Amino acid sequence: MNDYASTRRDYRWDCPARFNFARDVIDCWAAADPAQPAMLWLDDHGHEERRSFAEIAAASRRAANVLAAAGVVPGDRLVLLLGRQIAWWEVLTACLRMGAVASPGTAQLSAKDLAFRINAAQATCVVTDTGNAAKVDAVLGECPSLKARVLVDGSRDGWIDYAAALRAASEAFITVDTAADDEALCYFTSGTTGQPKMCMHAHSYGLAHQTTGRYWLDLKPSDLHWNLSDTGWAKAAWSSYFGPWNCGAAIFVHHTQGFSARRALELLAAQPITTFCGAPTIYRMFVQEDLARYRFPRLRHCVGAGEPLNPEVIETWRKATGLVIRDGYGQTETVILCGNYPSLEPRFGSMGKPAPGIELAVIDAEGRVLPPATEGDVAVRVKPERPPGLFLGYKGDPKKTASSFRGDWYLTGDRATVDADGYFWFVGRADDVILSAGYRIGPFEVESALIEHPAVAESAVVSSPDDQRGEIVKAFVVLAPGHEASEALAAELQAHVKQVTAPYKYPRRIEFVEELPKTVSGKIRRVELRNREWGR
């Protein structure tokens, strides 16, 4: 994008009635040049593998035959619970190719989390690894819809050996001619109440990420892009799959058991990585290292997303590398909505300007666009034309879906202001959802886990400011009779939450209180606790 204003003015979505990303994007890159690089994969032991688009296409056809033989048919939902194994990309592509609906999840999910997701989605198949297979087996009796289990890294009783089945499978598979608005992806996204909601995306979602890849990530076929995002989050779809591969760019994948800022910087210096995407927490960890020790000869473009990034961190990184971290804004429910694009003058701490093809505004309670410097709700215009890439809705929850719209607008759930030059500035969430280190955490999930412990009578969970993670989970706990507050009990409650639900959700701070603030009707006033934490 050489000129933001003209690109945005002239941009028109070109979305055909029939679309399949595997056929219409991956197969096209493979046909144009069978050797075009699609992936450079590296593990902690220095083992390296490379894949071309042609090889990804061929493996996905084999994988589609493996899944079809296991009984998966178009429209079926498949839970994809893998880390950064190459099989994640193969199976996701296979699901798109065969018209099955993929539901990626983080490997940190507990057995209880898995059972909920399998049953909510009525999933017929789970694809995972040996580190997570036992979780699936533990809840198998609770999941009547599940008819196939696929293991990517070995053999196990009752499971299909993916590697062996892939070798034996045919490479011939006719891609299903999916409609652009057919269901393709199911992401579970946390809310303020109840269990995570099923956010459904159509096949056109993959096409709509053209703007993510081309304008925000600034990718070309010659690029090698590294996105540090868990494969269970929609951000991986953004920057580890649809965005780069729309542009014919290769992705760099580091398959590791744990994140190390020092190791990541070493890889950025040693590998031919040209563009990088990380959550603000990653950059905060980077700037705590001795950046003078590193040189990044190929790196030309850096972006951040998931939460606002401190201007001080952006400036420290710029002084050390000469590169500006360009914030981008979007959601599980959308593609890129707003960003600091390469052709724009960056304003540190700003969300940037609306993406081409997106009419973004800050609106009031009646759906009227607010004047500059006035706080309101961030919204996307959906009438008279709904932009591609916006979610289909929350499956099975029409009330929640309806509440996300106001007149001609989709509500993102965030609050912001717009300055006189059209730059958006994040104010905060309109609800109680916690954004910590790029993770989206619903307070209800943590409160539900805490209440299962016999020492807890009541709890309220809110965000609390943190220099490194932006914000963290804090729990206010009212103890049951016979229990006394102590550091040991706080540690016990933290360990309990890690066992009951995904470990990233545990409260990093616990404060024991005599009572919780409540409304006249008895509802806990999280807003009062949150404001107290943030000094508001």
Protein backbone atom coordinates (compact mmCIF):
# COMPACT_ATOMS: atom_id res chain seq x y z
CA MET A 1 0.00 0.00 0.00
CA ASN A 2 1.88 3.04 -1.25
CA ASP A 3 -0.88 5.51 -0.47
CA TYR A 4 -3.36 4.76 2.32
CA ALA A 5 -6.00 7.29 1.31
CA SER A 6 -6.28 6.20 -2.32
CA THR A 7 -6.12 2.48 -1.49
CA ARG A 8 -8.91 2.82 1.02
CA ARG A 9 -10.99 5.02 -1.29
CA ASP A 10 -10.72 2.65 -4.26
CA TYR A 11 -10.86 -0.70 -2.45
CA ARG A 12 -13.69 -3.06 -3.41
CA TRP A 13 -14.23 -6.55 -2.07
CA ASP A 14 -14.26 -9.25 -4.76
CA CYS A 15 -15.91 -12.25 -3.12
CA PRO A 16 -17.21 -15.00 -5.43
CA ALA A 17 -20.27 -17.07 -4.57
CA ARG A 18 -18.16 -20.26 -4.38
CA PHE A 19 -14.83 -20.25 -2.59
CA ASN A 20 -12.49 -22.80 -1.03
CA PHE A 21 -9.13 -21.59 0.30
CA ALA A 22 -7.42 -24.95 -0.30
CA ARG A 23 -8.41 -25.01 -3.96
CA ASP A 24 -8.51 -21.31 -4.82
CA VAL A 25 -5.39 -20.16 -2.98
CA ILE A 26 -3.05 -22.97 -1.94
CA ASP A 27 -3.54 -25.07 -5.07
CA CYS A 28 -3.11 -21.96 -7.23
CA TRP A 29 0.26 -21.09 -5.67
CA ALA A 30 1.28 -24.74 -6.07
CA ALA A 31 0.29 -24.76 -9.75
CA ALA A 32 2.06 -21.47 -10.49
CA ASP A 33 5.35 -22.72 -9.03
CA PRO A 34 5.54 -26.18 -7.40
CA ALA A 35 8.71 -25.12 -5.57
CA GLN A 36 7.23 -21.91 -4.07
CA PRO A 37 8.14 -22.07 -0.33
CA ALA A 38 5.22 -22.23 2.10
CA MET A 39 6.91 -23.12 5.40
CA LEU A 40 10.23 -23.28 7.22
CA TRP A 41 9.77 -25.38 10.37
CA LEU A 42 12.30 -25.73 13.20
CA ASP A 43 12.13 -27.50 16.57
CA ASP A 44 14.06 -27.11 19.83
CA HIS A 45 16.58 -29.76 18.76
CA GLY A 46 17.59 -27.95 15.58
CA HIS A 47 15.62 -30.30 13.32
CA GLU A 48 14.50 -28.35 10.26
CA GLU A 49 11.87 -29.12 7.66
CA ARG A 50 10.69 -27.16 4.64
CA ARG A 51 7.41 -27.38 2.76
CA SER A 52 6.38 -25.93 -0.58
CA PHE A 53 2.80 -25.01 -1.42
CA ALA A 54 2.71 -28.09 -3.64
CA GLU A 55 3.73 -30.30 -0.72
CA ILE A 56 1.17 -28.72 1.62
CA ALA A 57 -1.51 -29.19 -1.06
CA ALA A 58 -0.59 -32.86 -1.58
CA ALA A 59 -0.45 -33.62 2.16
CA SER A 60 -3.83 -31.96 2.69
CA ARG A 61 -5.41 -34.16 -0.01
CA ARG A 62 -4.00 -37.24 1.69
CA ALA A 63 -5.21 -35.96 5.07
CA ALA A 64 -8.68 -35.35 3.63
CA ASN A 65 -8.78 -39.00 2.54
CA VAL A 66 -7.66 -40.10 6.02
CA LEU A 67 -10.44 -38.08 7.64
CA ALA A 68 -13.04 -39.24 5.10
CA ALA A 69 -12.08 -42.87 5.79
CA ALA A 70 -12.60 -42.14 9.51
CA GLY A 71 -16.17 -41.07 8.76
CA VAL A 72 -15.78 -37.30 8.58
CA VAL A 73 -18.14 -35.81 5.99
CA PRO A 74 -18.76 -32.24 4.75
CA GLY A 75 -20.36 -30.16 7.50
CA ASP A 76 -18.92 -32.27 10.33
CA ARG A 77 -17.03 -30.41 13.05
CA LEU A 78 -13.52 -31.46 13.95
CA VAL A 79 -11.61 -30.35 17.08
CA LEU A 80 -7.99 -29.61 16.17
CA LEU A 81 -5.89 -29.70 19.33
CA LEU A 82 -2.26 -29.37 18.29
CA GLY A 83 0.72 -27.15 18.92
CA ARG A 84 2.99 -26.02 16.12
CA GLN A 85 3.31 -29.45 14.50
CA ILE A 86 3.23 -29.42 10.70
CA ALA A 87 0.13 -31.60 10.95
CA TRP A 88 -1.83 -28.56 12.20
CA TRP A 89 -1.45 -26.87 8.80
CA GLU A 90 -2.08 -30.12 6.89
CA VAL A 91 -5.27 -30.99 8.78
CA LEU A 92 -6.66 -27.45 8.77
CA THR A 93 -6.16 -27.33 4.99
CA ALA A 94 -7.75 -30.77 4.67
CA CYS A 95 -10.82 -29.62 6.63
CA LEU A 96 -11.29 -26.62 4.33
CA ARG A 97 -10.75 -28.83 1.28
CA MET A 98 -13.37 -31.39 2.31
CA GLY A 99 -15.95 -28.93 3.67
CA ALA A 100 -15.56 -30.00 7.30
CA VAL A 101 -15.61 -27.33 10.02
CA ALA A 102 -12.34 -27.05 11.94
CA SER A 103 -12.40 -25.94 15.58
CA PRO A 104 -8.82 -25.17 16.69
CA GLY A 105 -8.06 -25.17 20.40
CA THR A 106 -5.02 -24.51 22.54
CA ALA A 107 -3.14 -27.53 23.89
CA GLN A 108 -3.56 -26.00 27.36
CA LEU A 109 -7.25 -26.96 27.47
CA SER A 110 -8.21 -29.26 30.32
CA ALA A 111 -10.21 -32.47 29.85
CA LYS A 112 -13.27 -30.60 31.16
CA ASP A 113 -12.73 -27.80 28.62
CA LEU A 114 -12.41 -30.38 25.85
CA ALA A 115 -15.61 -32.17 26.80
CA PHE A 116 -17.51 -28.88 26.74
CA ARG A 117 -16.17 -27.95 23.30
CA ILE A 118 -16.73 -31.39 21.76
CA ASN A 119 -20.32 -31.48 23.01
CA ALA A 120 -21.13 -27.84 22.21
CA ALA A 121 -19.85 -28.27 18.65
CA GLN A 122 -21.20 -31.83 18.36
CA ALA A 123 -17.75 -32.68 17.01
CA THR A 124 -17.36 -36.06 15.31
CA CYS A 125 -13.55 -36.13 15.31
CA VAL A 126 -10.59 -34.97 17.38
CA VAL A 127 -7.06 -34.61 16.00
CA THR A 128 -4.36 -34.24 18.64
CA ASP A 129 -1.01 -35.53 19.93
CA THR A 130 0.17 -37.86 22.70
CA GLY A 131 0.40 -34.96 25.14
CA ASN A 132 -3.37 -34.44 24.92
CA ALA A 133 -4.77 -37.84 23.96
CA ALA A 134 -5.30 -38.90 27.58
CA LYS A 135 -7.53 -35.84 28.14
CA VAL A 136 -9.76 -36.95 25.28
CA ASP A 137 -9.89 -40.54 26.50
CA ALA A 138 -10.80 -39.35 30.01
CA VAL A 139 -14.02 -37.73 28.75
CA LEU A 140 -14.80 -40.09 25.89
CA GLY A 141 -17.86 -41.49 27.69
CA GLU A 142 -19.28 -37.97 28.01
CA CYS A 143 -18.98 -37.17 24.28
CA PRO A 144 -21.51 -39.25 22.30
CA SER A 145 -20.98 -37.35 19.02
CA LEU A 146 -17.30 -38.31 18.84
CA LYS A 147 -16.71 -41.17 16.40
CA ALA A 148 -13.04 -40.77 15.42
CA ARG A 149 -9.79 -39.92 17.23
CA VAL A 150 -6.64 -39.17 15.26
CA LEU A 151 -3.15 -39.13 16.80
CA VAL A 152 -0.47 -37.23 14.86
CA ASP A 153 2.66 -38.48 16.64
CA GLY A 154 2.33 -42.20 17.36
CA SER A 155 -0.07 -45.05 17.96
CA ARG A 156 -2.61 -45.57 20.75
CA ASP A 157 -5.48 -48.00 21.29
CA GLY A 158 -8.65 -46.72 19.67
CA TRP A 159 -6.83 -44.00 17.76
CA ILE A 160 -5.91 -43.61 14.08
CA ASP A 161 -2.15 -43.33 13.53
CA TYR A 162 -2.09 -40.17 11.40
CA ALA A 163 1.46 -40.55 10.06
CA ALA A 164 0.91 -44.15 8.97
CA ALA A 165 -2.52 -43.42 7.51
CA LEU A 166 -1.17 -40.38 5.66
CA ARG A 167 1.58 -42.45 4.02
CA ALA A 168 -0.97 -45.03 2.85
CA ALA A 169 -3.60 -42.53 1.69
CA SER A 170 -4.23 -41.55 -1.90
CA GLU A 171 -3.22 -38.10 -3.09
CA ALA A 172 -6.32 -37.93 -5.26
CA PHE A 173 -9.11 -35.90 -3.68
CA ILE A 174 -11.67 -33.67 -5.36
CA THR A 175 -12.08 -30.48 -3.34
CA VAL A 176 -15.64 -29.81 -2.22
CA ASP A 177 -17.11 -26.85 -4.08
CA THR A 178 -18.01 -24.91 -0.95
CA ALA A 179 -20.14 -21.78 -1.00
CA ALA A 180 -18.34 -18.68 0.25
CA ASP A 181 -20.88 -18.41 3.09
CA ASP A 182 -20.73 -22.08 4.18
CA GLU A 183 -19.40 -22.68 7.70
CA ALA A 184 -15.64 -23.30 7.75
CA LEU A 185 -14.26 -22.50 11.22
CA CYS A 186 -15.52 -22.62 14.80
CA TYR A 187 -13.60 -20.62 17.42
CA PHE A 188 -14.55 -20.65 21.07
CA THR A 189 -14.31 -17.14 22.47
CA SER A 190 -14.68 -16.16 26.12
CA GLY A 191 -17.36 -13.79 27.33
CA THR A 192 -18.31 -12.19 30.62
CA THR A 193 -20.94 -14.77 31.52
CA GLY A 194 -21.31 -18.47 30.91
CA GLN A 195 -19.05 -20.78 28.98
CA PRO A 196 -17.14 -19.72 25.84
CA LYS A 197 -19.30 -19.00 22.80
CA MET A 198 -18.91 -20.67 19.41
CA CYS A 199 -17.84 -18.00 16.93
CA MET A 200 -18.54 -19.27 13.41
CA HIS A 201 -16.70 -18.17 10.29
CA ALA A 202 -17.49 -18.87 6.63
CA HIS A 203 -15.09 -19.90 3.87
CA SER A 204 -15.02 -16.24 2.78
CA TYR A 205 -13.15 -15.48 6.02
CA GLY A 206 -10.00 -16.91 4.44
CA LEU A 207 -10.42 -14.71 1.38
CA ALA A 208 -11.08 -11.61 3.51
CA HIS A 209 -7.70 -12.02 5.22
CA GLN A 210 -6.20 -10.68 1.98
CA THR A 211 -6.32 -7.27 3.65
CA THR A 212 -4.62 -8.64 6.77
CA GLY A 213 -1.75 -10.10 4.77
CA ARG A 214 -1.34 -7.51 2.05
CA TYR A 215 -1.85 -4.24 3.92
CA TRP A 216 -1.03 -4.81 7.60
CA LEU A 217 1.51 -7.65 7.46
CA ASP A 218 2.81 -6.12 4.18
CA LEU A 219 3.61 -9.54 2.71
CA LYS A 220 4.85 -10.61 -0.71
CA PRO A 221 5.81 -14.04 -2.14
CA SER A 222 9.46 -13.38 -1.28
CA ASP A 223 8.77 -12.93 2.46
CA LEU A 224 9.30 -15.30 5.39
CA HIS A 225 6.83 -14.35 8.12
CA TRP A 226 7.03 -15.38 11.78
CA ASN A 227 3.92 -15.09 13.92
CA LEU A 228 4.27 -15.97 17.60
CA SER A 229 0.71 -17.05 18.36
CA ASP A 230 -0.79 -20.17 19.89
CA THR A 231 -2.39 -22.32 17.18
CA GLY A 232 -5.57 -22.44 19.27
CA TRP A 233 -6.29 -18.75 18.76
CA ALA A 234 -7.79 -16.95 15.78
CA LYS A 235 -4.57 -14.90 15.58
CA ALA A 236 -2.92 -18.02 14.13
CA ALA A 237 -5.54 -18.00 11.36
CA TRP A 238 -4.74 -14.33 10.79
CA SER A 239 -0.96 -14.44 10.66
CA SER A 240 0.12 -18.09 10.52
CA TYR A 241 -2.24 -19.24 7.81
CA PHE A 242 -4.67 -17.10 5.78
CA GLY A 243 -2.79 -13.78 5.82
CA PRO A 244 0.62 -15.05 4.63
CA TRP A 245 -0.64 -17.76 2.27
CA ASN A 246 -3.06 -15.37 0.54
CA CYS A 247 0.08 -13.42 -0.41
CA GLY A 248 2.19 -16.45 -1.36
CA ALA A 249 4.55 -15.75 1.56
CA ALA A 250 6.25 -18.52 3.52
CA ILE A 251 5.75 -18.87 7.26
CA PHE A 252 8.44 -19.56 9.84
CA VAL A 253 7.40 -21.98 12.59
CA HIS A 254 9.35 -22.65 15.78
CA HIS A 255 7.95 -25.74 17.48
CA THR A 256 8.96 -25.33 21.11
CA GLN A 257 7.76 -26.41 24.54
CA GLY A 258 8.08 -22.96 26.09
CA PHE A 259 8.76 -19.39 25.07
CA SER A 260 12.18 -17.83 25.66
CA ALA A 261 12.68 -14.19 24.68
CA ARG A 262 16.43 -14.75 24.27
CA ARG A 263 15.93 -17.78 22.02
CA ALA A 264 13.35 -15.92 19.93
CA LEU A 265 15.76 -13.01 19.41
CA GLU A 266 18.49 -15.46 18.40
CA LEU A 267 16.16 -16.97 15.80
CA LEU A 268 15.17 -13.54 14.48
CA ALA A 269 18.88 -12.80 14.04
CA ALA A 270 19.88 -16.16 12.54
CA GLN A 271 16.94 -17.04 10.29
CA PRO A 272 15.96 -15.21 7.05
CA ILE A 273 12.80 -13.84 8.69
CA THR A 274 11.60 -10.66 7.01
CA THR A 275 8.39 -9.87 8.91
CA PHE A 276 7.38 -10.56 12.51
CA CYS A 277 4.13 -10.51 14.49
CA GLY A 278 3.92 -10.86 18.25
CA ALA A 279 1.63 -9.99 21.15
CA PRO A 280 2.66 -6.91 23.16
CA THR A 281 3.84 -9.19 25.96
CA ILE A 282 6.46 -10.63 23.60
CA TYR A 283 7.83 -7.18 22.80
CA ARG A 284 7.84 -6.22 26.48
CA MET A 285 9.98 -9.28 27.14
CA PHE A 286 12.23 -8.48 24.17
CA VAL A 287 13.09 -4.98 25.39
CA GLN A 288 14.17 -6.38 28.75
CA GLU A 289 16.96 -8.25 26.95
CA ASP A 290 20.24 -6.69 25.84
CA LEU A 291 19.08 -5.79 22.32
CA ALA A 292 22.52 -4.35 21.46
CA ARG A 293 23.77 -7.95 21.22
CA TYR A 294 21.56 -8.70 18.21
CA ARG A 295 21.40 -7.74 14.55
CA PHE A 296 18.42 -8.57 12.35
CA PRO A 297 19.74 -8.20 8.79
CA ARG A 298 16.61 -9.48 6.98
CA LEU A 299 13.89 -8.16 9.29
CA ARG A 300 12.03 -5.24 7.67
CA HIS A 301 8.56 -5.07 9.25
CA CYS A 302 7.13 -5.74 12.76
CA VAL A 303 3.53 -5.73 13.95
CA GLY A 304 1.77 -6.28 17.27
CA ALA A 305 -1.81 -7.25 18.12
CA GLY A 306 -3.99 -8.60 20.89
CA GLU A 307 -3.93 -5.56 23.18
CA PRO A 308 -2.56 -2.00 23.08
CA LEU A 309 1.23 -1.75 23.09
CA ASN A 310 2.98 0.77 25.34
CA PRO A 311 4.55 3.66 23.37
CA GLU A 312 7.71 3.28 25.50
CA VAL A 313 8.20 -0.29 24.26
CA ILE A 314 7.71 0.77 20.64
CA GLU A 315 10.32 3.49 21.05
CA THR A 316 12.85 1.16 22.75
CA TRP A 317 12.47 -1.39 19.94
CA ARG A 318 12.80 1.32 17.29
CA LYS A 319 16.02 2.65 18.81
CA ALA A 320 17.50 -0.86 18.93
CA THR A 321 16.36 -2.13 15.52
CA GLY A 322 15.36 0.88 13.44
CA LEU A 323 11.90 -0.69 13.05
CA VAL A 324 8.55 0.59 14.30
CA ILE A 325 6.14 -1.95 15.80
CA ARG A 326 2.89 -1.25 13.99
CA ASP A 327 -0.20 -2.05 16.05
CA GLY A 328 -3.16 -3.73 14.42
CA TYR A 329 -6.68 -4.23 15.73
CA GLY A 330 -9.26 -6.92 15.12
CA GLN A 331 -10.99 -9.80 16.88
CA THR A 332 -11.77 -13.48 16.77
CA GLU A 333 -14.97 -12.34 15.04
CA THR A 334 -13.23 -10.35 12.29
CA VAL A 335 -10.25 -9.87 10.01
CA ILE A 336 -8.03 -6.76 10.34
CA LEU A 337 -10.23 -3.76 11.20
CA CYS A 338 -7.74 -1.05 11.96
CA GLY A 339 -3.97 -0.71 11.79
CA ASN A 340 -0.80 1.32 11.52
CA TYR A 341 0.08 0.43 7.93
CA PRO A 342 3.56 0.90 6.44
CA SER A 343 2.39 3.85 4.34
CA LEU A 344 0.95 5.64 7.38
CA GLU A 345 2.83 7.87 9.79
CA PRO A 346 2.75 5.81 13.00
CA ARG A 347 1.30 7.30 16.16
CA PHE A 348 2.67 5.32 19.06
CA GLY A 349 -0.08 3.81 21.17
CA SER A 350 -2.75 4.30 18.48
CA MET A 351 -4.74 1.48 16.88
CA GLY A 352 -4.14 3.22 13.54
CA LYS A 353 -6.73 3.83 10.84
CA PRO A 354 -9.52 1.63 9.40
CA ALA A 355 -8.53 -1.16 7.02
CA PRO A 356 -9.42 -0.99 3.33
CA GLY A 357 -12.89 -2.46 2.83
CA ILE A 358 -13.95 -1.70 6.42
CA GLU A 359 -16.05 1.24 7.58
CA LEU A 360 -15.08 1.63 11.23
CA ALA A 361 -16.45 4.27 13.57
CA VAL A 362 -16.95 5.21 17.21
CA ILE A 363 -20.70 5.39 17.86
CA ASP A 364 -23.09 6.34 20.64
CA ALA A 365 -25.91 4.33 22.24
CA GLU A 366 -28.24 5.23 19.35
CA GLY A 367 -25.81 4.18 16.63
CA ARG A 368 -24.77 7.72 15.68
CA VAL A 369 -21.15 8.38 14.68
CA LEU A 370 -19.49 10.47 17.38
CA PRO A 371 -17.28 13.52 16.75
CA PRO A 372 -13.49 13.36 17.28
CA ALA A 373 -12.12 13.00 20.83
CA THR A 374 -15.43 11.58 22.11
CA GLU A 375 -15.39 8.15 23.74
CA GLY A 376 -17.85 5.58 22.42
CA ASP A 377 -18.29 2.05 21.10
CA VAL A 378 -16.02 0.77 18.31
CA ALA A 379 -18.29 -0.50 15.53
CA VAL A 380 -18.17 -1.87 11.97
CA ARG A 381 -20.84 -0.83 9.47
CA VAL A 382 -22.70 -3.92 8.21
CA LYS A 383 -25.52 -2.23 6.24
CA PRO A 384 -26.23 -1.84 3.41
CA GLU A 385 -23.32 -4.22 2.75
CA ARG A 386 -21.86 -6.68 5.25
CA PRO A 387 -18.06 -6.90 4.82
CA PRO A 388 -16.53 -10.35 4.19
CA GLY A 389 -14.61 -11.77 7.13
CA LEU A 390 -17.19 -10.82 9.76
CA PHE A 391 -18.33 -13.85 11.73
CA LEU A 392 -21.61 -15.60 10.89
CA GLY A 393 -22.77 -15.45 14.51
CA TYR A 394 -22.47 -17.28 17.82
CA LYS A 395 -23.71 -20.80 17.12
CA GLY A 396 -26.69 -21.75 19.22
CA ASP A 397 -26.88 -18.33 20.90
CA PRO A 398 -29.11 -15.98 18.87
CA LYS A 399 -29.51 -13.61 21.82
CA LYS A 400 -25.75 -13.10 22.15
CA THR A 401 -25.47 -12.69 18.37
CA ALA A 402 -28.26 -10.10 18.29
CA SER A 403 -26.70 -8.13 21.17
CA SER A 404 -23.55 -7.68 19.07
CA PHE A 405 -25.39 -5.46 16.60
CA ARG A 406 -26.86 -1.98 16.93
CA GLY A 407 -28.77 -0.69 13.92
CA ASP A 408 -26.41 -0.67 10.94
CA TRP A 409 -23.39 -1.59 13.08
CA TYR A 410 -21.57 -4.58 14.52
CA LEU A 411 -20.27 -3.80 18.02
CA THR A 412 -16.74 -5.01 18.77
CA GLY A 413 -17.23 -4.65 22.53
CA ASP A 414 -14.37 -2.15 22.79
CA ARG A 415 -14.38 1.54 23.64
CA ALA A 416 -12.23 4.10 21.85
CA THR A 417 -11.88 7.66 20.61
CA VAL A 418 -10.92 8.94 17.17
CA ASP A 419 -8.65 11.97 16.80
CA ALA A 420 -9.07 14.76 14.26
CA ASP A 421 -6.82 12.92 11.77
CA GLY A 422 -8.79 9.67 11.89
CA TYR A 423 -6.51 7.65 14.18
CA PHE A 424 -8.30 5.36 16.66
CA TRP A 425 -7.21 5.24 20.32
CA PHE A 426 -8.19 2.28 22.51
CA VAL A 427 -9.86 3.11 25.85
CA GLY A 428 -10.86 -0.31 27.16
CA ARG A 429 -13.27 -3.20 26.96
CA ALA A 430 -16.96 -2.42 27.26
CA ASP A 431 -17.33 -5.63 29.28
CA ASP A 432 -15.30 -7.53 31.87
CA VAL A 433 -13.28 -9.76 29.52
CA ILE A 434 -9.59 -9.80 30.46
CA LEU A 435 -6.90 -9.49 27.76
CA SER A 436 -3.69 -10.86 29.25
CA ALA A 437 -0.55 -11.49 27.20
CA GLY A 438 -2.71 -11.90 24.10
CA TYR A 439 -5.09 -14.35 25.78
CA ARG A 440 -8.81 -13.54 26.12
CA ILE A 441 -10.10 -14.74 29.50
CA GLY A 442 -13.69 -14.62 30.71
CA PRO A 443 -14.02 -13.93 34.45
CA PHE A 444 -16.89 -16.38 34.76
CA GLU A 445 -14.64 -19.30 33.77
CA VAL A 446 -12.13 -18.49 36.50
CA GLU A 447 -14.82 -17.81 39.09
CA SER A 448 -16.45 -21.16 38.26
CA ALA A 449 -13.14 -22.94 38.78
CA LEU A 450 -12.52 -21.17 42.12
CA ILE A 451 -15.97 -21.94 43.49
CA GLU A 452 -15.29 -25.67 43.11
CA HIS A 453 -12.68 -25.40 45.87
CA PRO A 454 -14.17 -26.03 49.34
CA ALA A 455 -12.42 -22.98 50.82
CA VAL A 456 -14.18 -20.55 48.46
CA ALA A 457 -17.62 -19.16 49.28
CA GLU A 458 -17.65 -16.43 46.62
CA SER A 459 -15.25 -14.89 44.14
CA ALA A 460 -15.01 -12.06 41.65
CA VAL A 461 -12.40 -11.95 38.91
CA VAL A 462 -11.20 -8.78 37.18
CA SER A 463 -8.22 -7.46 35.26
CA SER A 464 -5.32 -5.88 37.13
CA PRO A 465 -2.51 -3.80 35.54
CA ASP A 466 0.82 -5.52 34.92
CA ASP A 467 3.96 -4.04 33.36
CA GLN A 468 4.80 -7.13 31.28
CA ARG A 469 1.46 -8.71 30.40
CA GLY A 470 -0.56 -5.50 30.10
CA GLU A 471 -3.13 -6.90 32.48
CA ILE A 472 -3.47 -10.06 34.51
CA VAL A 473 -6.22 -12.06 36.19
CA LYS A 474 -6.90 -11.02 39.78
CA ALA A 475 -9.38 -12.83 42.03
CA PHE A 476 -11.16 -11.38 45.05
CA VAL A 477 -12.12 -14.32 47.25
CA VAL A 478 -14.57 -14.61 50.14
CA LEU A 479 -13.66 -17.66 52.19
CA ALA A 480 -16.07 -20.31 53.42
CA PRO A 481 -16.45 -20.75 57.20
CA GLY A 482 -13.57 -22.60 58.80
CA HIS A 483 -10.91 -21.37 56.35
CA GLU A 484 -8.32 -18.66 56.96
CA ALA A 485 -6.50 -16.48 54.47
CA SER A 486 -2.83 -17.30 53.90
CA GLU A 487 -0.18 -17.30 51.19
CA ALA A 488 -0.32 -21.09 51.24
CA LEU A 489 -4.08 -21.07 50.56
CA ALA A 490 -3.62 -18.54 47.75
CA ALA A 491 -1.05 -20.83 46.12
CA GLU A 492 -3.39 -23.80 46.60
CA LEU A 493 -6.23 -21.94 44.88
CA GLN A 494 -3.95 -20.99 41.99
CA ALA A 495 -2.90 -24.62 41.55
CA HIS A 496 -6.54 -25.69 41.74
CA VAL A 497 -7.57 -23.35 38.91
CA LYS A 498 -4.68 -24.62 36.78
CA GLN A 499 -5.99 -28.17 37.23
CA VAL A 500 -9.67 -27.41 36.64
CA THR A 501 -9.25 -25.23 33.57
CA ALA A 502 -6.55 -24.12 31.14
CA PRO A 503 -3.44 -22.95 33.07
CA TYR A 504 -3.25 -19.56 31.37
CA LYS A 505 -6.53 -18.60 33.09
CA TYR A 506 -5.28 -18.91 36.67
CA PRO A 507 -5.38 -15.78 38.89
CA ARG A 508 -1.85 -14.44 39.27
CA ARG A 509 -3.03 -12.34 42.18
CA ILE A 510 -5.52 -13.30 44.89
CA GLU A 511 -6.94 -10.94 47.49
CA PHE A 512 -9.03 -12.33 50.33
CA VAL A 513 -11.97 -10.07 51.28
CA GLU A 514 -14.84 -10.16 53.75
CA GLU A 515 -17.46 -9.36 51.12
CA LEU A 516 -17.87 -8.39 47.48
CA PRO A 517 -19.58 -5.22 46.19
CA LYS A 518 -23.03 -6.04 44.79
CA THR A 519 -26.02 -4.42 43.17
CA VAL A 520 -29.41 -4.26 44.88
CA SER A 521 -30.39 -7.40 42.95
CA GLY A 522 -27.33 -9.24 44.27
CA LYS A 523 -25.12 -9.13 41.17
CA ILE A 524 -21.40 -8.72 41.80
CA ARG A 525 -20.14 -5.30 40.70
CA ARG A 526 -16.95 -6.33 38.92
CA VAL A 527 -16.69 -2.83 37.47
CA GLU A 528 -16.15 -1.40 40.97
CA LEU A 529 -13.34 -3.86 41.68
CA ARG A 530 -11.78 -3.32 38.27
CA ASN A 531 -11.82 0.44 38.65
CA ARG A 532 -10.20 0.11 42.05
CA GLU A 533 -7.41 -1.99 40.52
CA TRP A 534 -6.77 0.51 37.75
CA GLY A 535 -6.98 3.53 40.02
CA ARG A 536 -10.07 4.92 38.33
